[in-house]
Amino acid sequence: MTTLLCIALTFYAFCGYIALGRPPDDIVVDIESGETGFAADPSGFGADSTNWSQYSPYYPVEPYSAPPEGCVVDQVHIIQRHGARYPTSGAAKRIQAALAKLQTATIQSNSSLAFALNYSYTLGQDSLVSLGARESYGAGQEAYARYASIVDAEKMPFVRASGSERVVQSATNWTAGFAAASNDVYTPVLSVIISEQGNDTLDDSSCPLHTGSDIPGTYIDVYAANMTDVLNTGAYGANLSNADTHALVTLCMFESVAKEERSAWCDLFAELGALDGFAHWAALDKYYGTGYGNELGPVQGVGYINELLARLTNTPVNDSTSTNSTLDSNPETFPLNRTVYADFSHDNLIIPVFAAMGLFPTDPLDPTGAAGQATWNVSTMVPFAGRMVVERLACAGGEGGKYVRVLVNQAVQPLVFCGAEADGVCSLDAFVESQAYARSRGNGTWAACFAS
């Protein structure tokens, strides 16, 4: 029987030690011994599912490549988004409102929209779907298969989660997958759950004056206008707005991951050419929401970067932004002696972590077109269960010492900001030095989160 240290957990009735005697109920797969297919196969959703942006089911962007010859991984840091989920309560209301308009309209029986007349909306809200549970379980298996050589009974993975229920469940699914892959030789537990009501380096809620942008909403009127006209022509009396059309586009993705088969809404909107426009909307949403295009976006990733630097260098956390100093100063809740760290979070926090580190540098995105989307491609950055992995390497020969490389959904990142060459590897010292933005509280930007 293991224990879970609950840190200001908001959705339980109490806070204390909670027993976890078995994997969570969300695990719905029976993993065969020796199975290595860790990623869910997105092919059943159609080839365009890798272009569903933050609603894409997880897929590896590239095959995993081993570290350069002469280098071995001696420490790993994972920050991972929760698995696939139902729409949020707000998104669900928007989808249902759009459906209600369609289903009171006049639609010809031979129309491509005819299926909507008898369509029944059955999706839940906010929580993980079965696919999402398996995505995280598979990620835990993958982590064990890849990094088992640096794990032992004294070096169990240290796991944290932000306090949202779907994030917590993703973390426990991961630990269950890790344990299963080791035949229960190693059974890591979720050790820290951080409340999203206070300082939390795994959630984007610690900067009170941060606001979003009107740019993504304005772009909906650009990309959805022609589709809305087509839909209103085919559904007489529906009077759909562009926002309604956008909501129905998202139904394609949410229903597909929930039912694990391609939704009829996807075929409809693929025929209408919706997905490129949707992908650019998502790029704008993340870029101007918590990415480079928002003054108070990247600074929300500073706290996590400073925790990462502390772990990489085995030194106390030096940060006064979104870190919880009570947790980070306690070796029970922020140990520095582990070889594998796994943190579970949201896409809107992982985006500022990328930006704070300097990944995916992109000039301001065009609010009316697709310029820049190739670099700032949300599908390859934060799909469901997407993750950034920082590997610390010990390398023989040459100058020896410690090195770092960063992988996002298995794609090795070009760390030009710390002098990496084609292999994406730079020295640990150079990497730490390159993180001046984080070490300076976002060049002082953090104060603007609270300025009157």
Protein backbone atom coordinates (compact mmCIF):
# COMPACT_ATOMS: atom_id res chain seq x y z
CA MET A 1 0.00 0.00 0.00
CA THR A 2 1.44 3.37 -0.98
CA THR A 3 0.62 6.90 0.11
CA LEU A 4 -0.06 10.13 -1.70
CA LEU A 5 0.90 13.43 -0.11
CA CYS A 6 -1.98 15.81 -0.82
CA ILE A 7 -0.93 19.46 -1.06
CA ALA A 8 -3.99 21.72 -0.75
CA LEU A 9 -6.00 19.39 -2.95
CA THR A 10 -9.09 21.28 -4.04
CA PHE A 11 -11.40 18.55 -5.26
CA TYR A 12 -11.18 16.18 -2.28
CA ALA A 13 -13.06 16.84 0.93
CA PHE A 14 -9.91 16.70 2.99
CA CYS A 15 -6.17 17.01 2.70
CA GLY A 16 -3.86 14.40 4.13
CA TYR A 17 -2.47 11.02 3.23
CA ILE A 18 -4.58 9.07 0.76
CA ALA A 19 -4.05 5.36 0.17
CA LEU A 20 -3.57 4.14 -3.37
CA GLY A 21 -3.68 0.37 -3.42
CA ARG A 22 -4.32 -0.21 -7.13
CA PRO A 23 -4.15 1.53 -10.50
CA PRO A 24 -6.92 4.10 -11.06
CA ASP A 25 -10.25 3.10 -12.58
CA ASP A 26 -9.42 5.16 -15.67
CA ILE A 27 -7.09 2.42 -16.86
CA VAL A 28 -9.12 0.48 -19.37
CA VAL A 29 -6.45 -1.48 -21.19
CA ASP A 30 -4.91 -4.88 -20.60
CA ILE A 31 -1.26 -4.55 -21.54
CA GLU A 32 0.33 -7.68 -22.91
CA SER A 33 3.76 -8.58 -21.60
CA GLY A 34 6.48 -7.16 -23.83
CA GLU A 35 4.17 -4.82 -25.71
CA THR A 36 6.05 -1.83 -27.11
CA GLY A 37 3.32 0.10 -28.93
CA PHE A 38 3.19 2.85 -26.34
CA ALA A 39 1.48 5.57 -28.41
CA ALA A 40 -2.18 5.30 -29.31
CA ASP A 41 -2.60 4.73 -33.04
CA PRO A 42 -4.25 7.87 -34.47
CA SER A 43 -4.86 6.29 -37.88
CA GLY A 44 -8.42 5.34 -36.97
CA PHE A 45 -9.28 9.03 -36.72
CA GLY A 46 -8.00 9.83 -40.22
CA ALA A 47 -4.69 11.24 -41.39
CA ASP A 48 -5.79 14.77 -40.55
CA SER A 49 -5.93 13.95 -36.81
CA THR A 50 -2.29 15.00 -36.58
CA ASN A 51 -3.49 18.47 -37.57
CA TRP A 52 -6.09 18.88 -34.82
CA SER A 53 -3.73 21.11 -32.81
CA GLN A 54 -4.24 20.89 -29.04
CA TYR A 55 -7.00 18.33 -29.66
CA SER A 56 -4.78 15.91 -31.59
CA PRO A 57 -4.41 12.50 -29.95
CA TYR A 58 -0.80 11.95 -28.93
CA TYR A 59 1.62 10.91 -31.62
CA PRO A 60 5.43 10.98 -31.71
CA VAL A 61 6.58 13.71 -34.07
CA GLU A 62 9.75 11.75 -34.85
CA PRO A 63 11.15 8.33 -33.89
CA TYR A 64 13.21 8.47 -30.71
CA SER A 65 16.92 8.84 -31.42
CA ALA A 66 19.48 7.65 -28.89
CA PRO A 67 21.98 10.14 -27.44
CA PRO A 68 25.21 10.65 -29.38
CA GLU A 69 27.84 7.94 -29.20
CA GLY A 70 29.79 8.15 -25.96
CA CYS A 71 26.91 9.75 -24.07
CA VAL A 72 24.45 8.11 -21.69
CA VAL A 73 21.37 9.54 -20.02
CA ASP A 74 21.87 9.97 -16.28
CA GLN A 75 18.85 12.12 -15.41
CA VAL A 76 15.45 12.76 -17.05
CA HIS A 77 12.88 15.53 -16.61
CA ILE A 78 9.41 15.09 -18.11
CA ILE A 79 6.64 17.67 -18.21
CA GLN A 80 3.54 16.18 -19.76
CA ARG A 81 0.07 17.39 -20.63
CA HIS A 82 -2.96 15.44 -19.43
CA GLY A 83 -4.45 12.89 -21.81
CA ALA A 84 -7.37 13.31 -24.18
CA ARG A 85 -10.49 14.72 -22.53
CA TYR A 86 -14.08 15.71 -23.09
CA PRO A 87 -14.77 19.38 -23.90
CA THR A 88 -14.70 21.82 -21.01
CA SER A 89 -18.05 22.92 -19.63
CA GLY A 90 -17.91 26.18 -21.58
CA ALA A 91 -17.01 24.45 -24.83
CA ALA A 92 -19.76 21.87 -24.29
CA LYS A 93 -22.36 24.62 -23.89
CA ARG A 94 -21.23 26.27 -27.12
CA ILE A 95 -21.36 22.97 -29.01
CA GLN A 96 -24.84 22.16 -27.72
CA ALA A 97 -26.13 25.64 -28.54
CA ALA A 98 -24.92 25.27 -32.14
CA LEU A 99 -26.46 21.82 -32.40
CA ALA A 100 -29.79 23.14 -31.16
CA LYS A 101 -29.84 25.69 -33.98
CA LEU A 102 -29.10 23.02 -36.57
CA GLN A 103 -31.65 20.58 -35.28
CA THR A 104 -34.50 23.10 -35.49
CA ALA A 105 -33.60 23.99 -39.08
CA THR A 106 -34.91 22.55 -42.33
CA ILE A 107 -32.35 20.15 -43.82
CA GLN A 108 -32.84 18.11 -46.99
CA SER A 109 -32.61 14.35 -46.46
CA ASN A 110 -29.96 14.02 -49.20
CA SER A 111 -27.78 16.76 -47.73
CA SER A 112 -24.35 16.08 -46.24
CA LEU A 113 -25.84 17.65 -43.10
CA ALA A 114 -28.75 15.21 -42.88
CA PHE A 115 -27.04 13.17 -40.16
CA ALA A 116 -27.29 16.18 -37.83
CA LEU A 117 -31.09 15.93 -37.62
CA ASN A 118 -30.97 12.70 -35.62
CA TYR A 119 -27.60 13.31 -34.00
CA SER A 120 -27.48 12.73 -30.25
CA TYR A 121 -24.86 14.57 -28.20
CA THR A 122 -23.56 12.25 -25.48
CA LEU A 123 -20.19 13.69 -24.44
CA GLY A 124 -19.22 14.42 -20.86
CA GLN A 125 -17.38 17.50 -19.62
CA ASP A 126 -13.82 18.24 -18.49
CA SER A 127 -12.76 14.72 -17.53
CA LEU A 128 -10.46 12.25 -19.25
CA VAL A 129 -11.79 9.91 -21.90
CA SER A 130 -10.61 6.30 -22.05
CA LEU A 131 -8.11 7.13 -24.79
CA GLY A 132 -6.66 9.84 -22.57
CA ALA A 133 -6.13 7.37 -19.75
CA ARG A 134 -4.31 5.00 -22.08
CA GLU A 135 -2.15 7.77 -23.52
CA SER A 136 -0.70 8.50 -20.09
CA TYR A 137 -0.45 4.82 -19.16
CA GLY A 138 1.48 4.19 -22.37
CA ALA A 139 3.73 7.16 -21.64
CA GLY A 140 4.62 5.58 -18.30
CA GLN A 141 5.46 2.31 -20.02
CA GLU A 142 7.57 4.16 -22.55
CA ALA A 143 9.47 6.01 -19.83
CA TYR A 144 10.36 2.76 -18.09
CA ALA A 145 11.42 1.07 -21.32
CA ARG A 146 13.63 4.01 -22.24
CA TYR A 147 15.12 4.94 -18.86
CA ALA A 148 15.03 1.76 -16.78
CA SER A 149 18.82 1.77 -16.51
CA ILE A 150 18.77 4.84 -14.25
CA VAL A 151 15.98 3.62 -11.95
CA ASP A 152 16.38 1.51 -8.83
CA ALA A 153 14.67 1.15 -5.47
CA GLU A 154 16.55 4.17 -4.13
CA LYS A 155 15.97 6.26 -7.26
CA MET A 156 12.25 5.96 -7.85
CA PRO A 157 10.71 8.53 -10.24
CA PHE A 158 9.41 11.61 -8.42
CA VAL A 159 5.97 12.57 -9.71
CA ARG A 160 3.96 15.78 -9.27
CA ALA A 161 0.69 17.03 -10.73
CA SER A 162 -1.25 20.25 -10.89
CA GLY A 163 -4.50 20.00 -8.96
CA SER A 164 -7.01 19.56 -11.79
CA GLU A 165 -8.65 16.13 -11.63
CA ARG A 166 -7.75 15.15 -15.20
CA VAL A 167 -4.12 16.11 -14.56
CA VAL A 168 -3.99 14.09 -11.34
CA GLN A 169 -5.52 11.08 -13.07
CA SER A 170 -3.03 11.39 -15.93
CA ALA A 171 -0.20 11.29 -13.39
CA THR A 172 -1.54 8.16 -11.69
CA ASN A 173 -2.14 6.52 -15.05
CA TRP A 174 1.52 7.23 -15.87
CA THR A 175 2.75 5.72 -12.60
CA ALA A 176 0.57 2.64 -13.19
CA GLY A 177 2.02 2.22 -16.68
CA PHE A 178 5.57 2.62 -15.37
CA ALA A 179 4.94 0.00 -12.68
CA ALA A 180 3.33 -2.43 -15.11
CA ALA A 181 6.23 -2.13 -17.54
CA SER A 182 8.62 -3.05 -14.72
CA ASN A 183 6.44 -6.03 -13.71
CA ASP A 184 5.77 -4.10 -10.50
CA VAL A 185 9.42 -4.10 -9.51
CA TYR A 186 9.28 -0.29 -9.44
CA THR A 187 6.03 1.31 -8.32
CA PRO A 188 6.36 5.10 -8.33
CA VAL A 189 3.56 7.13 -6.75
CA LEU A 190 2.16 10.58 -7.29
CA SER A 191 3.87 12.41 -4.43
CA VAL A 192 2.75 16.03 -4.75
CA ILE A 193 -0.48 17.59 -6.00
CA ILE A 194 -0.25 21.38 -6.24
CA SER A 195 -3.36 23.46 -5.72
CA GLU A 196 -4.30 25.62 -8.70
CA GLN A 197 -5.56 28.29 -6.28
CA GLY A 198 -2.07 29.52 -5.39
CA ASN A 199 1.47 29.45 -6.73
CA ASP A 200 1.71 26.50 -9.10
CA THR A 201 4.50 25.98 -11.62
CA LEU A 202 2.32 23.42 -13.42
CA ASP A 203 -0.63 25.71 -14.15
CA ASP A 204 -1.03 29.12 -15.80
CA SER A 205 -3.04 30.63 -12.94
CA SER A 206 -0.31 32.37 -10.93
CA CYS A 207 -0.21 35.68 -12.85
CA PRO A 208 -3.37 37.62 -11.87
CA LEU A 209 -3.06 40.40 -14.46
CA HIS A 210 -2.50 38.07 -17.39
CA THR A 211 -5.24 38.36 -20.00
CA GLY A 212 -5.83 36.60 -23.28
CA SER A 213 -6.06 38.18 -26.70
CA ASP A 214 -8.91 39.12 -29.03
CA ILE A 215 -6.89 37.96 -32.04
CA PRO A 216 -7.96 34.28 -32.04
CA GLY A 217 -11.63 35.19 -31.69
CA THR A 218 -11.38 37.69 -34.52
CA TYR A 219 -9.76 35.05 -36.73
CA ILE A 220 -12.78 32.77 -36.30
CA ASP A 221 -14.70 35.29 -38.40
CA VAL A 222 -12.00 34.96 -41.07
CA TYR A 223 -11.69 31.19 -41.36
CA ALA A 224 -15.27 30.17 -40.57
CA ALA A 225 -17.23 32.71 -42.63
CA ASN A 226 -17.49 30.71 -45.87
CA MET A 227 -18.32 27.52 -44.00
CA THR A 228 -21.03 29.27 -42.04
CA ASP A 229 -22.61 30.46 -45.28
CA VAL A 230 -22.57 26.92 -46.66
CA LEU A 231 -24.07 25.46 -43.49
CA ASN A 232 -26.80 28.08 -43.30
CA THR A 233 -27.65 27.47 -46.95
CA GLY A 234 -27.99 23.74 -46.30
CA ALA A 235 -29.84 24.18 -42.99
CA TYR A 236 -32.56 26.72 -43.67
CA GLY A 237 -33.40 28.74 -40.59
CA ALA A 238 -30.39 27.65 -38.52
CA ASN A 239 -28.84 31.13 -38.49
CA LEU A 240 -25.50 29.76 -37.34
CA SER A 241 -22.84 32.29 -36.39
CA ASN A 242 -19.16 31.86 -37.16
CA ALA A 243 -18.63 31.02 -33.49
CA ASP A 244 -21.24 28.25 -33.82
CA THR A 245 -19.39 26.82 -36.81
CA HIS A 246 -16.12 26.89 -34.90
CA ALA A 247 -17.75 25.05 -31.99
CA LEU A 248 -18.99 22.34 -34.37
CA VAL A 249 -15.48 21.96 -35.82
CA THR A 250 -14.22 21.14 -32.31
CA LEU A 251 -17.01 18.57 -31.96
CA CYS A 252 -15.25 16.60 -34.69
CA MET A 253 -12.19 16.22 -32.48
CA PHE A 254 -13.87 15.74 -29.12
CA GLU A 255 -16.28 13.09 -30.38
CA SER A 256 -13.49 11.24 -32.18
CA VAL A 257 -11.25 10.91 -29.12
CA ALA A 258 -14.23 10.07 -26.90
CA LYS A 259 -15.64 7.32 -29.13
CA GLU A 260 -12.29 6.30 -30.62
CA GLU A 261 -13.56 6.42 -34.16
CA ARG A 262 -13.72 9.19 -36.71
CA SER A 263 -16.70 11.45 -36.16
CA ALA A 264 -19.07 12.25 -39.01
CA TRP A 265 -18.44 15.90 -38.16
CA CYS A 266 -14.82 15.43 -39.25
CA ASP A 267 -15.85 14.26 -42.70
CA LEU A 268 -18.22 17.20 -43.03
CA PHE A 269 -15.61 19.78 -42.10
CA ALA A 270 -12.82 18.10 -44.05
CA GLU A 271 -15.06 18.44 -47.11
CA LEU A 272 -15.53 22.12 -46.27
CA GLY A 273 -11.76 22.65 -45.85
CA ALA A 274 -11.95 23.65 -42.19
CA LEU A 275 -8.83 22.13 -40.71
CA ASP A 276 -6.14 24.46 -42.04
CA GLY A 277 -8.11 27.43 -40.76
CA PHE A 278 -8.70 25.72 -37.44
CA ALA A 279 -4.98 24.96 -37.10
CA HIS A 280 -4.12 28.61 -37.64
CA TRP A 281 -6.75 29.64 -35.11
CA ALA A 282 -5.08 27.28 -32.61
CA ALA A 283 -1.65 28.72 -33.43
CA LEU A 284 -2.96 32.24 -32.78
CA ASP A 285 -4.69 31.07 -29.60
CA LYS A 286 -1.50 29.67 -28.09
CA TYR A 287 0.90 32.29 -29.47
CA TYR A 288 -1.12 35.27 -28.26
CA GLY A 289 -2.55 33.47 -25.23
CA THR A 290 0.47 32.33 -23.21
CA GLY A 291 3.18 32.24 -25.89
CA TYR A 292 5.61 34.77 -27.34
CA GLY A 293 2.81 37.09 -28.45
CA ASN A 294 1.59 37.86 -24.93
CA GLU A 295 3.71 40.05 -22.66
CA LEU A 296 2.68 38.01 -19.61
CA GLY A 297 2.73 34.64 -21.38
CA PRO A 298 6.32 33.32 -21.33
CA VAL A 299 6.96 34.56 -17.79
CA GLN A 300 4.44 32.01 -16.52
CA GLY A 301 6.90 29.28 -17.52
CA VAL A 302 9.78 30.79 -15.55
CA GLY A 303 8.98 29.00 -12.29
CA TYR A 304 9.12 25.57 -13.90
CA ILE A 305 12.36 26.41 -15.72
CA ASN A 306 13.98 27.44 -12.44
CA GLU A 307 12.84 24.19 -10.84
CA LEU A 308 14.35 22.34 -13.80
CA LEU A 309 17.66 24.16 -13.38
CA ALA A 310 17.70 23.28 -9.67
CA ARG A 311 17.21 19.60 -10.40
CA LEU A 312 19.74 19.54 -13.23
CA THR A 313 22.42 21.16 -11.07
CA ASN A 314 21.46 19.65 -7.69
CA THR A 315 21.11 23.09 -6.13
CA PRO A 316 18.23 24.75 -4.25
CA VAL A 317 15.53 26.45 -6.30
CA ASN A 318 16.26 30.13 -6.90
CA ASP A 319 12.96 31.67 -7.93
CA SER A 320 10.42 34.24 -6.75
CA THR A 321 7.77 33.84 -9.45
CA SER A 322 5.23 30.99 -9.56
CA THR A 323 7.08 28.49 -7.36
CA ASN A 324 5.62 27.41 -4.03
CA SER A 325 8.51 28.10 -1.68
CA THR A 326 7.07 25.88 1.05
CA LEU A 327 7.10 22.89 -1.26
CA ASP A 328 10.33 23.67 -3.09
CA SER A 329 12.36 24.18 0.09
CA ASN A 330 11.35 20.80 1.52
CA PRO A 331 13.33 17.74 0.34
CA GLU A 332 10.24 15.58 0.87
CA THR A 333 8.23 17.57 -1.68
CA PHE A 334 11.11 18.73 -3.88
CA PRO A 335 13.98 16.23 -3.69
CA LEU A 336 17.16 16.87 -5.64
CA ASN A 337 18.51 13.32 -5.61
CA ARG A 338 16.27 11.59 -8.15
CA THR A 339 17.13 10.43 -11.65
CA VAL A 340 13.62 10.61 -13.16
CA TYR A 341 11.18 13.47 -12.59
CA ALA A 342 7.70 13.51 -14.11
CA ASP A 343 5.41 16.54 -13.82
CA PHE A 344 1.84 16.70 -15.15
CA SER A 345 0.28 19.88 -16.39
CA HIS A 346 -1.88 21.69 -18.98
CA ASP A 347 -1.15 22.88 -22.53
CA ASN A 348 -1.55 26.51 -21.49
CA LEU A 349 1.35 26.12 -19.05
CA ILE A 350 3.59 24.02 -21.27
CA ILE A 351 3.40 26.69 -23.99
CA PRO A 352 4.97 29.35 -21.70
CA VAL A 353 7.56 26.80 -20.57
CA PHE A 354 8.60 26.43 -24.22
CA ALA A 355 8.68 30.20 -24.66
CA ALA A 356 10.58 30.85 -21.43
CA MET A 357 13.20 28.30 -22.44
CA GLY A 358 13.49 29.72 -25.97
CA LEU A 359 11.99 26.83 -27.96
CA PHE A 360 10.01 27.34 -31.18
CA PRO A 361 11.09 30.98 -31.69
CA THR A 362 8.58 32.58 -34.03
CA ASP A 363 7.98 36.09 -35.31
CA PRO A 364 4.49 37.50 -34.61
CA LEU A 365 1.86 35.40 -36.36
CA ASP A 366 -0.33 36.97 -39.01
CA PRO A 367 -3.81 37.42 -37.49
CA THR A 368 -5.43 36.88 -40.90
CA GLY A 369 -3.34 34.15 -42.57
CA ALA A 370 -1.13 31.10 -42.06
CA ALA A 371 2.32 32.73 -42.09
CA GLY A 372 4.59 31.31 -39.38
CA GLN A 373 2.44 28.30 -38.59
CA ALA A 374 5.08 25.84 -39.81
CA THR A 375 7.31 26.78 -36.87
CA TRP A 376 4.55 27.37 -34.32
CA ASN A 377 2.63 24.17 -35.02
CA VAL A 378 0.42 23.42 -32.03
CA SER A 379 -0.22 19.83 -33.16
CA THR A 380 3.47 19.00 -32.77
CA MET A 381 3.85 21.03 -29.57
CA VAL A 382 0.97 20.21 -27.22
CA PRO A 383 -1.26 17.38 -28.46
CA PHE A 384 -3.12 15.48 -25.78
CA ALA A 385 -0.49 13.81 -23.54
CA GLY A 386 2.22 15.83 -25.31
CA ARG A 387 5.50 16.08 -23.40
CA MET A 388 8.82 17.79 -23.21
CA VAL A 389 11.69 15.61 -22.03
CA VAL A 390 15.00 17.09 -20.89
CA GLU A 391 17.76 14.49 -20.81
CA ARG A 392 20.92 15.16 -18.85
CA LEU A 393 23.80 13.30 -20.44
CA ALA A 394 27.14 12.09 -19.14
CA CYS A 395 29.61 12.02 -22.03
CA ALA A 396 33.04 10.43 -22.24
CA GLY A 397 35.89 11.73 -24.33
CA GLY A 398 36.56 15.31 -25.30
CA GLU A 399 35.88 17.62 -22.37
CA GLY A 400 33.64 15.07 -20.65
CA GLY A 401 31.20 16.48 -18.12
CA LYS A 402 27.44 16.92 -18.21
CA TYR A 403 25.33 17.84 -21.23
CA VAL A 404 21.68 18.47 -22.02
CA ARG A 405 19.31 17.80 -24.88
CA VAL A 406 15.58 18.53 -25.14
CA LEU A 407 12.94 16.48 -26.93
CA VAL A 408 9.35 17.56 -27.60
CA ASN A 409 7.16 14.61 -28.51
CA GLN A 410 10.39 12.79 -29.37
CA ALA A 411 11.67 15.46 -31.77
CA VAL A 412 15.14 16.64 -30.71
CA GLN A 413 15.11 20.42 -30.41
CA PRO A 414 17.82 22.62 -31.96
CA LEU A 415 19.22 24.33 -28.87
CA VAL A 416 20.98 27.06 -30.80
CA PHE A 417 20.67 29.37 -27.79
CA CYS A 418 23.26 27.30 -25.90
CA GLY A 419 25.54 26.41 -28.80
CA ALA A 420 24.17 22.99 -29.72
CA GLU A 421 25.24 21.48 -33.01
CA ALA A 422 23.20 19.17 -35.25
CA ASP A 423 22.77 16.58 -32.48
CA GLY A 424 20.91 19.10 -30.30
CA VAL A 425 23.36 18.67 -27.40
CA CYS A 426 24.93 21.48 -25.42
CA SER A 427 26.88 21.51 -22.19
CA LEU A 428 24.91 21.76 -18.97
CA ASP A 429 26.81 24.92 -18.05
CA ALA A 430 25.93 26.53 -21.39
CA PHE A 431 22.29 25.51 -21.01
CA VAL A 432 22.04 27.03 -17.54
CA GLU A 433 23.73 30.20 -18.77
CA SER A 434 21.29 30.41 -21.69
CA GLN A 435 18.31 30.54 -19.34
CA ALA A 436 18.89 34.15 -18.32
CA TYR A 437 15.23 35.01 -18.96
CA ALA A 438 14.11 32.57 -16.29
CA ARG A 439 16.90 33.40 -13.88
CA SER A 440 15.95 37.11 -14.03
CA ARG A 441 12.22 36.62 -13.35
CA GLY A 442 11.47 37.05 -17.03
CA ASN A 443 13.75 40.09 -17.30
CA GLY A 444 11.65 41.62 -14.55
CA THR A 445 8.34 40.97 -16.32
CA TRP A 446 6.92 38.98 -13.40
CA ALA A 447 6.27 42.20 -11.48
CA ALA A 448 3.75 43.19 -14.16
CA CYS A 449 1.58 40.26 -13.08
CA PHE A 450 0.74 42.26 -9.97
CA ALA A 451 1.31 45.92 -10.90
CA SER A 452 -1.61 48.22 -10.11
